[in-house]
Amino acid sequence: MSSLNKLAIRGIRSFDDKQISVIEFFTPVTVIVGHNGSGKTTIIECLKYATTGEQPPNTRGGAFVHDPKMANEKEVKAQVKLRFHAANGTRMIAVRNLSVTVKKTGLTMKTLESILGLADADNKNNKRAVISTKCAEMDAEIPQLLGVSKAVLENVIFCHQEESYWPLAEPSVLKKKFDEIFEATRYTKALDSIKTLRKERMSQLNTEKERLLGLSREKAHSDKLKNRVTDLKSTIAAKEVEYEQAKSQHDSLGEANRKFYDYSSKFREIFVKVEGLEEKEQRLKSDRDEAKLNIQELPGSDEELEERLKHFDDHINSQKQKKRLEDVQKQDFEDELANAREQHKELLARQGGLTAEAEAQNRRLAEREQLIHEIGEKLDIKGFHHSPLERNSVVEFISRLGDAQRKQWNELEKLQILEQRQMSIIAGADNWPANSNRASCRGELSASRLPNANHRYQVLNATWRSNKLCKLTCVVYKSISRRKGTK
């Protein structure tokens, strides 16, 4: 059975925040006696807060904690520590911490870290096994450890005196309280879950019935297959007997064939050996006959032949020396041949480069003649439309092209001078004389404005033509210089 052991309070309502007040509970009854305002109700409130996490009504703004103004502090920290025996006999401890801070807008209360653990988990090392440090988990865990629901703790065991009149409340509120105390909502939820589970089971039953029908059909089919397998096994057994008989016959025939093959291979080896010996005999006979035809009898006596035999090595050495000299000459000839081939390759490569350069030069000459023809047609320079053009003709064309360019530049300078004069006339309009002479000045200005647009067009056209003549002259000079460099 669960029971409360000790309660430690610090900084709650009238309890000082500098020291801890400890209340020990006895069995079977503990009577708390004191004057009004001494803290009797605060003890019940601390028990309720330690077990359920619920503070007394109308204390959310910090009224549950000791007033910081009375303690002359900006912040007051409060603590409620409860040691109790759980329903299974385990001694537990629950610690809840609060703090209230004074700000300009008023008091601000915060819930600090809480602890739920075993009071005597390791007595040797004075360590406690912490079960949870979250307030939400403690609010649900402590009622389970005590074996009492949270509604019973709030409304019956640790009911606040301001909430003790709930049995006289309205029927709807009273019903809600009784439902929470007797856990009627759990009963209705259990009924709903039973109904839902029954529907699921019925649907599963229908599914299993259909599955049973399918399995019965599959079983009938499997029985047919089993019968067929039995028949096939009997057929296979008969075929295996036939196979064994055929295998024994095959083995006997294979043994006979192997012996016959061994005899035939031996016979073939002997036959091949005999044929080889006969061919060797014929070859030796033919070699003998050829040797008789080729061998000549050397003239001279036996002494002379022996003398020649003694000096045969010297003769062989002289022949080898002669052969070495001829090999050296052969190597020299091969080196000369390799050098000649390298020179031939270099000449071929040079010939290819010169051929490509000649083709490029011919293309450049053709481009030059085409440019001369185009320039002659555009500038009306006659006498240069034939092909090919000689060097003297090209030089003459360049000189005539230079004359045309200088002529264009002269025209450009004249037009620019005329434009400057016109601009000076326009700029001097502010310095013209009084009304008596303004009529003549206006006439002169209007006469000068008439060709203004034509002058500007002619200046731009002359500038463009002179620039184009310069570009064409540069192209022709480049082609002539390339031709001189090639020659």
Protein backbone atom coordinates (compact mmCIF):
# COMPACT_ATOMS: atom_id res chain seq x y z
CA MET A 1 0.00 0.00 0.00
CA SER A 2 1.25 3.49 -0.82
CA SER A 3 1.91 6.06 1.94
CA LEU A 4 3.48 9.48 2.41
CA ASN A 5 6.69 9.70 4.43
CA LYS A 6 8.10 13.26 4.52
CA LEU A 7 7.38 16.64 2.96
CA ALA A 8 9.98 19.43 2.67
CA ILE A 9 8.76 22.97 1.86
CA ARG A 10 10.85 26.02 1.02
CA GLY A 11 9.62 29.38 -0.34
CA ILE A 12 5.89 28.45 -0.63
CA ARG A 13 3.39 31.08 0.60
CA SER A 14 4.27 31.85 4.25
CA PHE A 15 7.19 29.41 4.36
CA ASP A 16 10.57 31.18 4.25
CA ASP A 17 12.76 30.73 1.18
CA LYS A 18 15.99 30.72 3.26
CA GLN A 19 15.28 27.54 5.22
CA ILE A 20 13.53 24.24 4.60
CA SER A 21 10.54 23.15 6.69
CA VAL A 22 10.14 19.36 7.01
CA ILE A 23 6.85 17.68 7.94
CA GLU A 24 6.91 13.95 8.73
CA PHE A 25 3.72 11.91 8.38
CA PHE A 26 2.85 9.11 10.78
CA THR A 27 0.66 6.01 10.54
CA PRO A 28 -2.29 5.71 10.63
CA VAL A 29 -3.22 9.40 11.10
CA THR A 30 -1.29 12.67 11.20
CA VAL A 31 -3.11 15.69 12.73
CA ILE A 32 -1.92 19.19 11.75
CA VAL A 33 -2.90 21.93 14.24
CA GLY A 34 -2.08 25.66 13.98
CA HIS A 35 -3.38 29.21 13.99
CA ASN A 36 -4.98 30.83 11.01
CA GLY A 37 -2.40 31.73 8.38
CA SER A 38 0.23 29.44 9.89
CA GLY A 39 0.35 27.24 6.75
CA LYS A 40 -1.96 24.29 7.37
CA THR A 41 -3.69 24.68 4.02
CA THR A 42 -0.30 25.31 2.37
CA ILE A 43 0.79 21.80 3.40
CA ILE A 44 -2.23 20.28 1.62
CA GLU A 45 -1.58 22.50 -1.39
CA CYS A 46 2.08 21.37 -1.49
CA LEU A 47 1.01 17.72 -1.31
CA LYS A 48 -1.40 18.28 -4.18
CA TYR A 49 1.24 20.14 -6.20
CA ALA A 50 3.90 17.48 -5.52
CA THR A 51 1.62 14.58 -6.56
CA THR A 52 -0.42 16.08 -9.43
CA GLY A 53 1.50 19.19 -10.50
CA GLU A 54 -1.64 21.30 -10.07
CA GLN A 55 -1.36 24.60 -8.17
CA PRO A 56 -4.16 26.00 -6.00
CA PRO A 57 -6.86 28.06 -7.75
CA ASN A 58 -6.11 31.73 -8.45
CA THR A 59 -2.32 31.34 -7.93
CA ARG A 60 -1.04 31.34 -11.52
CA GLY A 61 0.48 34.81 -11.26
CA GLY A 62 2.99 33.82 -8.57
CA ALA A 63 0.81 33.93 -5.44
CA PHE A 64 1.70 30.32 -4.65
CA VAL A 65 5.37 31.29 -4.03
CA HIS A 66 6.69 33.37 -1.16
CA ASP A 67 6.37 37.09 -1.92
CA PRO A 68 9.76 38.52 -3.07
CA LYS A 69 8.86 41.94 -1.59
CA MET A 70 8.58 40.44 1.87
CA ALA A 71 11.95 38.72 1.40
CA ASN A 72 13.54 41.91 -0.04
CA GLU A 73 14.73 39.91 -3.03
CA LYS A 74 14.29 40.29 -6.79
CA GLU A 75 13.94 36.55 -7.22
CA VAL A 76 12.62 33.86 -4.90
CA LYS A 77 13.16 30.16 -5.55
CA ALA A 78 10.72 27.68 -4.09
CA GLN A 79 10.93 23.91 -3.70
CA VAL A 80 8.54 21.13 -2.73
CA LYS A 81 10.11 17.76 -1.96
CA LEU A 82 7.97 14.69 -1.18
CA ARG A 83 9.20 11.28 -0.10
CA PHE A 84 6.65 8.49 -0.32
CA HIS A 85 6.28 4.74 -0.59
CA ALA A 86 4.81 3.54 -3.88
CA ALA A 87 2.12 0.89 -4.13
CA ASN A 88 4.77 -1.76 -4.80
CA GLY A 89 6.73 -0.78 -1.66
CA THR A 90 9.48 1.19 -3.41
CA ARG A 91 10.53 4.37 -1.62
CA MET A 92 10.36 7.26 -4.10
CA ILE A 93 11.17 10.95 -3.99
CA ALA A 94 9.61 13.77 -6.04
CA VAL A 95 11.15 17.25 -6.25
CA ARG A 96 9.45 20.24 -7.90
CA ASN A 97 11.12 23.66 -8.22
CA LEU A 98 9.60 27.08 -8.87
CA SER A 99 10.92 30.63 -9.14
CA VAL A 100 9.26 34.07 -9.02
CA THR A 101 11.01 37.15 -10.42
CA VAL A 102 10.03 40.76 -9.80
CA LYS A 103 9.75 42.80 -13.02
CA LYS A 104 8.38 46.21 -13.92
CA THR A 105 5.10 44.71 -15.14
CA GLY A 106 4.67 42.54 -12.05
CA LEU A 107 5.65 39.05 -10.88
CA THR A 108 6.76 36.33 -13.30
CA MET A 109 6.66 32.70 -12.21
CA LYS A 110 8.60 29.88 -13.93
CA THR A 111 8.58 26.15 -13.39
CA LEU A 112 12.17 24.89 -13.07
CA GLU A 113 13.56 21.40 -13.48
CA SER A 114 11.76 18.65 -11.57
CA ILE A 115 13.03 15.23 -10.49
CA LEU A 116 11.32 11.88 -9.88
CA GLY A 117 13.62 9.11 -8.69
CA LEU A 118 14.27 6.26 -6.31
CA ALA A 119 15.06 7.45 -2.78
CA ASP A 120 17.37 4.53 -1.91
CA ALA A 121 18.61 3.23 -5.29
CA ASP A 122 22.25 3.04 -4.17
CA ASN A 123 22.72 3.52 -0.46
CA LYS A 124 26.43 2.79 -0.59
CA ASN A 125 27.30 5.68 -2.89
CA ASN A 126 24.36 7.91 -1.81
CA LYS A 127 23.14 8.07 -5.40
CA ARG A 128 19.55 8.13 -6.57
CA ALA A 129 18.29 6.63 -9.79
CA VAL A 130 16.40 9.34 -11.68
CA ILE A 131 13.29 8.07 -13.43
CA SER A 132 12.14 11.30 -15.07
CA THR A 133 12.91 15.03 -15.12
CA LYS A 134 9.93 16.19 -17.20
CA CYS A 135 6.92 17.71 -15.45
CA ALA A 136 4.38 16.12 -17.83
CA GLU A 137 5.82 12.66 -17.24
CA MET A 138 5.88 13.20 -13.46
CA ASP A 139 2.24 14.33 -13.45
CA ALA A 140 1.25 10.99 -15.01
CA GLU A 141 3.85 8.80 -13.24
CA ILE A 142 3.27 9.76 -9.57
CA PRO A 143 -0.49 8.87 -9.48
CA GLN A 144 0.36 5.50 -11.03
CA LEU A 145 3.04 4.90 -8.39
CA LEU A 146 0.59 5.84 -5.62
CA GLY A 147 -2.08 3.58 -7.13
CA VAL A 148 -4.66 6.39 -7.13
CA SER A 149 -6.01 8.33 -10.08
CA LYS A 150 -5.25 12.00 -10.49
CA ALA A 151 -8.95 12.91 -10.15
CA VAL A 152 -9.12 11.23 -6.71
CA LEU A 153 -5.98 13.09 -5.59
CA GLU A 154 -7.35 16.45 -6.74
CA ASN A 155 -11.02 16.13 -5.70
CA VAL A 156 -10.93 13.79 -2.66
CA ILE A 157 -7.56 13.28 -0.92
CA PHE A 158 -5.95 16.71 -1.45
CA CYS A 159 -9.08 18.72 -2.21
CA HIS A 160 -8.61 22.46 -1.58
CA GLN A 161 -11.00 24.09 0.86
CA GLU A 162 -12.16 26.51 -1.83
CA GLU A 163 -13.11 23.56 -4.04
CA SER A 164 -14.56 21.32 -1.31
CA TYR A 165 -18.15 22.28 -2.19
CA TRP A 166 -18.08 20.52 -5.57
CA PRO A 167 -20.65 17.82 -4.40
CA LEU A 168 -23.17 20.67 -4.22
CA ALA A 169 -22.41 21.95 -7.69
CA GLU A 170 -24.60 21.75 -10.79
CA PRO A 171 -25.53 18.30 -12.09
CA SER A 172 -23.37 18.61 -15.22
CA VAL A 173 -20.29 19.62 -13.18
CA LEU A 174 -21.05 16.93 -10.58
CA LYS A 175 -21.41 14.28 -13.29
CA LYS A 176 -18.09 15.34 -14.81
CA LYS A 177 -16.38 15.09 -11.40
CA PHE A 178 -17.84 11.62 -10.71
CA ASP A 179 -16.89 10.45 -14.19
CA GLU A 180 -13.32 11.54 -13.55
CA ILE A 181 -13.23 9.97 -10.09
CA PHE A 182 -14.79 6.64 -11.06
CA GLU A 183 -13.18 6.70 -14.51
CA ALA A 184 -16.49 6.35 -16.33
CA THR A 185 -14.97 7.78 -19.45
CA ARG A 186 -12.57 4.87 -19.51
CA TYR A 187 -15.58 2.50 -19.36
CA THR A 188 -17.28 4.22 -22.30
CA LYS A 189 -14.00 4.24 -24.20
CA ALA A 190 -13.63 0.54 -23.41
CA LEU A 191 -17.14 -0.12 -24.76
CA ASP A 192 -16.34 1.82 -27.92
CA SER A 193 -13.10 -0.05 -28.34
CA ILE A 194 -14.96 -3.36 -27.79
CA LYS A 195 -17.50 -2.44 -30.47
CA THR A 196 -14.74 -1.38 -32.84
CA LEU A 197 -12.83 -4.57 -32.08
CA ARG A 198 -16.00 -6.65 -32.67
CA LYS A 199 -16.45 -5.02 -36.10
CA GLU A 200 -12.84 -5.68 -36.94
CA ARG A 201 -13.14 -9.28 -35.77
CA MET A 202 -16.31 -9.79 -37.82
CA SER A 203 -14.61 -8.41 -40.91
CA GLN A 204 -11.62 -10.61 -40.18
CA LEU A 205 -14.00 -13.58 -39.72
CA ASN A 206 -15.58 -12.95 -43.11
CA THR A 207 -12.14 -12.64 -44.62
CA GLU A 208 -11.05 -15.88 -42.97
CA LYS A 209 -14.21 -17.65 -44.24
CA GLU A 210 -13.42 -16.57 -47.76
CA ARG A 211 -9.85 -17.63 -47.20
CA LEU A 212 -11.12 -21.01 -45.87
CA LEU A 213 -13.12 -21.51 -49.06
CA GLY A 214 -10.09 -20.66 -51.13
CA LEU A 215 -7.95 -23.02 -49.06
CA SER A 216 -10.51 -25.82 -49.46
CA ARG A 217 -10.41 -25.38 -53.23
CA GLU A 218 -6.64 -25.30 -53.11
CA LYS A 219 -6.66 -28.46 -50.93
CA ALA A 220 -8.83 -30.30 -53.48
CA HIS A 221 -6.47 -29.16 -56.19
CA SER A 222 -3.50 -30.24 -54.09
CA ASP A 223 -5.08 -33.68 -53.57
CA LYS A 224 -5.38 -34.04 -57.33
CA LEU A 225 -1.80 -32.98 -57.68
CA LYS A 226 -0.73 -35.46 -55.00
CA ASN A 227 -2.47 -38.30 -56.85
CA ARG A 228 -0.82 -37.20 -60.05
CA VAL A 229 2.53 -37.02 -58.27
CA THR A 230 2.01 -40.57 -56.98
CA ASP A 231 1.28 -41.81 -60.49
CA LEU A 232 4.31 -39.97 -61.81
CA LYS A 233 6.49 -41.43 -59.08
CA SER A 234 5.41 -44.95 -60.03
CA THR A 235 6.12 -44.14 -63.66
CA ILE A 236 9.51 -42.72 -62.68
CA ALA A 237 10.30 -45.89 -60.70
CA ALA A 238 9.52 -48.04 -63.75
CA LYS A 239 11.62 -45.77 -65.93
CA GLU A 240 14.47 -45.97 -63.41
CA VAL A 241 14.40 -49.77 -63.65
CA GLU A 242 14.53 -49.50 -67.43
CA TYR A 243 17.31 -46.96 -67.10
CA GLU A 244 19.36 -49.29 -64.90
CA GLN A 245 18.98 -52.10 -67.41
CA ALA A 246 19.92 -49.84 -70.28
CA LYS A 247 22.84 -48.48 -68.27
CA SER A 248 24.22 -51.99 -67.62
CA GLN A 249 23.96 -52.78 -71.34
CA HIS A 250 25.60 -49.47 -72.15
CA ASP A 251 28.44 -50.17 -69.72
CA SER A 252 29.09 -53.62 -71.24
CA LEU A 253 29.05 -52.16 -74.76
CA GLY A 254 31.30 -49.30 -73.61
CA GLU A 255 33.82 -51.76 -72.17
CA ALA A 256 33.84 -53.72 -75.40
CA ASN A 257 34.26 -50.52 -77.41
CA ARG A 258 37.09 -49.40 -75.15
CA LYS A 259 38.96 -52.65 -75.69
CA PHE A 260 38.39 -52.43 -79.41
CA TYR A 261 39.61 -48.81 -79.39
CA ASP A 262 42.77 -49.81 -77.49
CA TYR A 263 43.50 -52.56 -80.03
CA SER A 264 42.85 -50.20 -82.95
CA SER A 265 45.07 -47.47 -81.45
CA LYS A 266 47.91 -49.96 -80.93
CA PHE A 267 47.50 -51.24 -84.47
CA ARG A 268 47.49 -47.68 -85.80
CA GLU A 269 50.68 -46.87 -83.87
CA ILE A 270 52.43 -49.95 -85.21
CA PHE A 271 51.24 -49.19 -88.72
CA VAL A 272 52.44 -45.58 -88.52
CA LYS A 273 55.78 -46.72 -87.12
CA VAL A 274 56.21 -49.20 -89.97
CA GLU A 275 55.36 -46.53 -92.54
CA GLY A 276 57.88 -44.16 -90.93
CA LEU A 277 60.61 -46.79 -91.04
CA GLU A 278 59.87 -47.55 -94.68
CA GLU A 279 60.01 -43.86 -95.57
CA LYS A 280 63.29 -43.51 -93.64
CA GLU A 281 64.71 -46.48 -95.52
CA GLN A 282 63.73 -44.96 -98.87
CA ARG A 283 65.17 -41.57 -97.83
CA LEU A 284 68.48 -43.12 -96.76
CA LYS A 285 68.70 -45.01 -100.01
CA SER A 286 68.10 -41.85 -102.02
CA ASP A 287 70.68 -39.98 -99.90
CA ARG A 288 73.16 -42.73 -100.53
CA ASP A 289 72.57 -42.60 -104.30
CA GLU A 290 72.87 -38.79 -104.32
CA ALA A 291 76.05 -38.98 -102.27
CA LYS A 292 77.52 -41.38 -104.75
CA LEU A 293 76.71 -38.94 -107.55
CA ASN A 294 78.02 -35.83 -105.77
CA ILE A 295 81.12 -37.17 -104.08
CA GLN A 296 84.17 -36.93 -106.28
CA GLU A 297 87.40 -38.69 -105.73
CA LEU A 298 90.15 -36.24 -104.98
CA PRO A 299 93.31 -36.67 -106.99
CA GLY A 300 96.63 -37.17 -105.31
CA SER A 301 98.33 -39.65 -103.13
CA ASP A 302 97.48 -40.38 -99.56
CA GLU A 303 100.38 -38.24 -98.29
CA GLU A 304 99.18 -35.23 -100.26
CA LEU A 305 95.65 -35.64 -99.03
CA GLU A 306 96.84 -35.88 -95.41
CA GLU A 307 98.84 -32.69 -95.93
CA ARG A 308 95.79 -30.89 -97.26
CA LEU A 309 93.81 -32.16 -94.30
CA LYS A 310 96.36 -30.74 -91.86
CA HIS A 311 96.18 -27.27 -93.46
CA PHE A 312 92.38 -27.36 -93.76
CA ASP A 313 91.90 -25.31 -90.56
CA ASP A 314 94.18 -22.53 -91.86
CA HIS A 315 92.15 -22.45 -95.05
CA ILE A 316 88.93 -22.20 -93.06
CA ASN A 317 90.34 -19.31 -90.96
CA SER A 318 91.33 -17.38 -94.08
CA GLN A 319 87.83 -17.84 -95.48
CA LYS A 320 86.31 -16.58 -92.20
CA GLN A 321 88.57 -13.50 -92.27
CA LYS A 322 87.46 -12.78 -95.81
CA LYS A 323 83.83 -13.19 -94.76
CA ARG A 324 84.26 -10.70 -91.88
CA LEU A 325 85.71 -8.10 -94.26
CA GLU A 326 82.76 -8.57 -96.60
CA ASP A 327 80.33 -8.23 -93.64
CA VAL A 328 81.96 -4.92 -92.67
CA GLN A 329 81.61 -3.65 -96.23
CA LYS A 330 78.00 -4.78 -96.24
CA GLN A 331 77.31 -2.87 -93.00
CA ASP A 332 78.87 0.30 -94.48
CA PHE A 333 76.70 -0.03 -97.56
CA GLU A 334 73.59 -0.49 -95.35
CA ASP A 335 74.47 2.66 -93.32
CA GLU A 336 74.91 4.68 -96.51
CA LEU A 337 71.56 3.35 -97.76
CA ALA A 338 69.82 4.35 -94.49
CA ASN A 339 71.31 7.86 -94.69
CA ALA A 340 70.18 8.17 -98.30
CA ARG A 341 66.66 7.11 -97.29
CA GLU A 342 66.58 9.73 -94.47
CA GLN A 343 67.71 12.44 -96.91
CA HIS A 344 65.05 11.27 -99.35
CA LYS A 345 62.34 11.57 -96.64
CA GLU A 346 63.54 15.06 -95.69
CA LEU A 347 63.52 16.15 -99.33
CA LEU A 348 60.01 14.73 -99.78
CA ALA A 349 58.80 16.61 -96.68
CA ARG A 350 60.43 19.82 -97.90
CA GLN A 351 58.89 19.30 -101.33
CA GLY A 352 55.44 18.92 -99.72
CA GLY A 353 55.90 22.13 -97.70
CA LEU A 354 57.04 24.06 -100.77
CA THR A 355 54.11 22.68 -102.77
CA ALA A 356 51.64 23.79 -100.05
CA GLU A 357 53.31 27.20 -99.88
CA ALA A 358 53.12 27.54 -103.67
CA GLU A 359 49.40 26.68 -103.62
CA ALA A 360 48.83 29.24 -100.83
CA GLN A 361 50.74 31.85 -102.86
CA ASN A 362 48.63 31.10 -105.94
CA ARG A 363 45.47 31.54 -103.82
CA ARG A 364 46.76 34.85 -102.47
CA LEU A 365 47.57 36.02 -106.03
CA ALA A 366 44.08 35.04 -107.16
CA GLU A 367 42.56 36.91 -104.20
CA ARG A 368 44.73 39.95 -105.02
CA GLU A 369 43.58 39.96 -108.67
CA GLN A 370 39.96 39.59 -107.51
CA LEU A 371 40.37 42.54 -105.12
CA ILE A 372 41.96 44.61 -107.92
CA HIS A 373 39.03 43.80 -110.24
CA GLU A 374 36.48 44.71 -107.53
CA ILE A 375 38.28 47.96 -106.64
CA GLY A 376 38.61 48.87 -110.34
CA GLU A 377 34.89 48.36 -110.89
CA LYS A 378 33.94 50.34 -107.76
CA LEU A 379 36.36 53.26 -108.41
CA ASP A 380 36.07 53.13 -112.23
CA ILE A 381 39.79 52.38 -112.74
CA LYS A 382 40.04 50.82 -116.19
CA GLY A 383 42.73 48.70 -117.80
CA PHE A 384 43.06 46.12 -114.98
CA HIS A 385 40.25 43.64 -115.72
CA HIS A 386 42.43 41.04 -117.49
CA SER A 387 44.19 38.07 -115.85
CA PRO A 388 46.91 37.41 -114.96
CA LEU A 389 48.26 40.81 -113.89
CA GLU A 390 51.96 41.50 -114.13
CA ARG A 391 53.94 43.13 -111.37
CA ASN A 392 54.17 46.42 -113.31
CA SER A 393 50.38 46.44 -113.74
CA VAL A 394 49.91 45.88 -109.98
CA VAL A 395 52.33 48.73 -109.13
CA GLU A 396 50.55 51.02 -111.59
CA PHE A 397 47.18 50.09 -110.06
CA ILE A 398 48.48 50.89 -106.56
CA SER A 399 49.74 54.29 -107.74
CA ARG A 400 46.36 55.09 -109.35
CA LEU A 401 44.62 53.86 -106.19
CA GLY A 402 46.80 56.23 -104.14
CA ASP A 403 45.86 59.12 -106.45
CA ALA A 404 42.18 58.30 -105.94
CA GLN A 405 42.71 58.14 -102.17
CA ARG A 406 44.46 61.52 -102.11
CA LYS A 407 41.64 62.97 -104.18
CA GLN A 408 39.10 61.63 -101.65
CA TRP A 409 41.11 63.11 -98.77
CA ASN A 410 41.20 66.51 -100.51
CA GLU A 411 37.43 66.41 -100.97
CA LEU A 412 37.07 65.44 -97.31
CA GLU A 413 39.24 68.36 -96.17
CA LYS A 414 37.21 70.80 -98.28
CA LEU A 415 33.96 69.52 -96.85
CA GLN A 416 35.34 69.72 -93.29
CA ILE A 417 36.47 73.36 -93.91
CA LEU A 418 32.99 74.18 -95.23
CA GLU A 419 31.42 72.51 -92.17
CA GLN A 420 33.68 74.53 -89.83
CA ARG A 421 32.67 77.76 -91.54
CA GLN A 422 29.02 76.88 -91.17
CA MET A 423 29.50 76.09 -87.47
CA SER A 424 31.36 79.41 -86.94
CA ILE A 425 28.45 81.29 -88.60
CA ILE A 426 25.96 79.54 -86.30
CA ALA A 427 28.16 80.21 -83.26
CA GLY A 428 28.43 83.93 -84.06
CA ALA A 429 24.67 84.41 -84.21
CA ASP A 430 24.62 85.81 -80.67
CA ASN A 431 27.03 88.64 -81.71
CA TRP A 432 25.01 89.83 -84.72
CA PRO A 433 24.24 93.65 -85.01
CA ALA A 434 21.01 95.43 -84.13
CA ASN A 435 17.66 95.24 -85.97
CA SER A 436 18.89 97.27 -88.96
CA ASN A 437 21.41 94.57 -90.03
CA ARG A 438 19.64 91.44 -88.76
CA ALA A 439 17.71 90.91 -91.99
CA SER A 440 20.86 90.55 -94.08
CA CYS A 441 22.42 88.24 -91.43
CA ARG A 442 19.32 86.04 -91.40
CA GLY A 443 19.51 85.75 -95.18
CA GLU A 444 23.14 84.70 -95.01
CA LEU A 445 22.33 82.16 -92.26
CA SER A 446 19.40 80.70 -94.21
CA ALA A 447 21.59 80.44 -97.34
CA SER A 448 24.22 78.60 -95.32
CA ARG A 449 21.64 76.25 -93.74
CA LEU A 450 20.34 75.00 -97.07
CA PRO A 451 23.33 72.79 -97.97
CA ASN A 452 23.87 71.80 -94.33
CA ALA A 453 22.35 68.31 -94.65
CA ASN A 454 24.04 67.66 -98.00
CA HIS A 455 27.39 68.75 -96.57
CA ARG A 456 27.12 66.40 -93.66
CA TYR A 457 26.15 63.53 -95.93
CA GLN A 458 29.06 64.23 -98.27
CA VAL A 459 31.50 64.41 -95.33
CA LEU A 460 30.34 61.06 -93.97
CA ASN A 461 30.37 59.47 -97.44
CA ALA A 462 33.87 60.79 -98.19
CA THR A 463 35.13 59.55 -94.81
CA TRP A 464 33.69 56.10 -95.39
CA ARG A 465 35.13 55.86 -98.92
CA SER A 466 38.56 57.06 -97.78
CA ASN A 467 38.62 54.47 -94.99
CA LYS A 468 37.60 51.74 -97.41
CA LEU A 469 40.30 52.83 -99.89
CA CYS A 470 42.87 52.63 -97.09
CA LYS A 471 41.76 49.08 -96.21
CA LEU A 472 41.86 47.94 -99.87
CA THR A 473 45.29 49.53 -100.38
CA CYS A 474 46.62 47.70 -97.32
CA VAL A 475 45.30 44.37 -98.66
CA VAL A 476 47.00 44.91 -102.05
CA TYR A 477 50.31 45.97 -100.42
CA LYS A 478 50.25 42.89 -98.17
CA SER A 479 49.72 40.59 -101.17
CA ILE A 480 52.61 42.25 -103.07
CA SER A 481 54.92 42.00 -100.03
CA ARG A 482 54.08 38.30 -99.61
CA ARG A 483 54.85 37.68 -103.25
CA LYS A 484 58.24 39.45 -102.95
CA GLY A 485 59.07 37.42 -99.83
CA THR A 486 58.12 34.19 -101.60
CA LYS A 487 60.32 34.99 -104.58
